[in-house]
Amino acid sequence: MSLSGKHQYGELQGTRVTFVEKGISSARMSFLKNLLEVNGFSVLTDLEKKKNEDDPDLYTIGVTDLVFNPTIWVYDRKLRTSDGRKVTPDYWLQKTEDTKPQYWESMWEQ
């Protein structure tokens, strides 16, 4: 799931949550869970049901803060890494570990 701006909420494990991402791998779920917990959010995860036995395990992750919107928090640079750096969209999407974006660098990559 990308940073779409759409606020999605529902229920995980009997608790109302704001969905952060759905249909993600275990590694992605661990990354997001750690990042969100570092920022003080109560995080819930759930293993999605498989359609076929051969399908990989996919997870849904959400936070109990119903006002949380990942897009707003990332683009407003409100989230921090465990070492205090501000989270950028590319860091959130795990494209880079760099948290000092320079708009002209991504402009020339296109």
Protein backbone atom coordinates (compact mmCIF):
# COMPACT_ATOMS: atom_id res chain seq x y z
CA MET A 1 0.00 0.00 0.00
CA SER A 2 1.37 3.39 -0.86
CA LEU A 3 0.81 6.71 0.83
CA SER A 4 -2.59 7.37 -0.71
CA GLY A 5 -4.01 9.94 1.70
CA LYS A 6 -7.14 7.89 2.20
CA HIS A 7 -7.99 7.36 5.87
CA GLN A 8 -8.99 3.71 6.32
CA TYR A 9 -10.29 2.35 9.56
CA GLY A 10 -11.89 -0.85 10.75
CA GLU A 11 -11.36 -3.56 13.32
CA LEU A 12 -8.43 -5.82 14.24
CA GLN A 13 -8.64 -8.36 17.05
CA GLY A 14 -11.89 -6.79 18.27
CA THR A 15 -10.40 -3.29 18.54
CA ARG A 16 -11.17 -0.28 16.32
CA VAL A 17 -8.03 0.77 14.43
CA THR A 18 -6.77 2.98 11.68
CA PHE A 19 -5.30 0.68 9.04
CA VAL A 20 -1.74 1.55 8.17
CA GLU A 21 -1.18 -1.08 5.46
CA LYS A 22 -2.83 -4.29 4.30
CA GLY A 23 -1.45 -7.29 2.42
CA ILE A 24 2.18 -6.76 3.43
CA SER A 25 5.04 -9.15 4.03
CA SER A 26 6.37 -10.13 7.44
CA ALA A 27 9.49 -7.98 6.94
CA ARG A 28 7.43 -4.90 6.01
CA MET A 29 5.10 -5.50 8.94
CA SER A 30 8.07 -5.70 11.35
CA PHE A 31 9.57 -2.49 9.94
CA LEU A 32 6.31 -0.54 10.29
CA LYS A 33 5.48 -2.00 13.71
CA ASN A 34 8.88 -0.99 15.08
CA LEU A 35 8.68 2.50 13.54
CA LEU A 36 5.18 3.15 14.85
CA GLU A 37 5.92 1.83 18.34
CA VAL A 38 9.00 4.07 18.53
CA ASN A 39 6.62 6.96 17.86
CA GLY A 40 4.32 5.95 20.73
CA PHE A 41 1.51 4.23 18.83
CA SER A 42 -0.22 1.10 20.04
CA VAL A 43 0.08 -1.28 17.09
CA LEU A 44 -2.04 -4.32 16.22
CA THR A 45 -1.24 -6.82 13.49
CA ASP A 46 -3.21 -9.66 11.98
CA LEU A 47 -2.31 -12.51 9.65
CA GLU A 48 -4.61 -12.43 6.62
CA LYS A 49 -6.39 -15.57 5.51
CA LYS A 50 -4.77 -17.36 2.58
CA LYS A 51 -6.75 -18.13 -0.55
CA ASN A 52 -4.39 -21.00 -1.42
CA GLU A 53 -2.00 -22.98 0.75
CA ASP A 54 0.93 -21.95 -1.47
CA ASP A 55 0.32 -18.21 -1.01
CA PRO A 56 2.81 -16.33 1.17
CA ASP A 57 1.80 -15.03 4.60
CA LEU A 58 0.42 -11.50 4.34
CA TYR A 59 -0.35 -9.17 7.22
CA THR A 60 -2.54 -6.20 8.07
CA ILE A 61 -1.21 -3.57 10.46
CA GLY A 62 -3.13 -0.86 12.27
CA VAL A 63 -2.87 1.56 15.15
CA THR A 64 -5.45 2.18 17.88
CA ASP A 65 -5.25 5.96 17.33
CA LEU A 66 -8.27 6.54 15.07
CA VAL A 67 -7.08 10.02 14.09
CA PHE A 68 -3.74 8.75 12.73
CA ASN A 69 -3.32 9.10 8.97
CA PRO A 70 0.01 7.72 7.69
CA THR A 71 0.15 10.11 4.74
CA ILE A 72 -0.26 13.20 6.88
CA TRP A 73 2.22 12.02 9.49
CA VAL A 74 4.87 11.16 6.88
CA TYR A 75 4.51 14.28 4.72
CA ASP A 76 4.28 16.57 7.77
CA ARG A 77 7.49 14.86 8.97
CA LYS A 78 5.95 14.05 12.36
CA LEU A 79 7.34 10.50 12.56
CA ARG A 80 10.86 9.86 13.84
CA THR A 81 13.24 6.94 13.49
CA SER A 82 14.59 5.23 16.61
CA ASP A 83 17.65 7.49 16.45
CA GLY A 84 15.58 10.69 16.14
CA ARG A 85 15.75 11.39 12.40
CA LYS A 86 12.58 12.59 10.63
CA VAL A 87 10.88 9.97 8.46
CA THR A 88 10.59 10.81 4.75
CA PRO A 89 8.25 9.21 2.19
CA ASP A 90 11.15 7.21 0.70
CA TYR A 91 12.18 6.01 4.16
CA TRP A 92 8.57 5.01 4.91
CA LEU A 93 8.39 3.07 1.64
CA GLN A 94 11.79 1.50 2.42
CA LYS A 95 13.38 2.84 -0.74
CA THR A 96 16.28 4.38 1.20
CA GLU A 97 17.73 4.80 4.67
CA ASP A 98 18.49 8.45 3.87
CA THR A 99 16.21 10.86 5.72
CA LYS A 100 17.49 14.10 4.17
CA PRO A 101 15.60 14.29 0.88
CA GLN A 102 16.75 16.65 -1.80
CA TYR A 103 14.00 17.29 -4.32
CA TRP A 104 16.46 17.73 -7.18
CA GLU A 105 17.87 14.20 -6.65
CA SER A 106 14.50 12.51 -7.22
CA MET A 107 13.68 14.94 -10.04
CA TRP A 108 16.63 13.67 -12.12
CA GLU A 109 15.90 9.98 -11.45
CA GLN A 110 12.74 10.05 -13.59
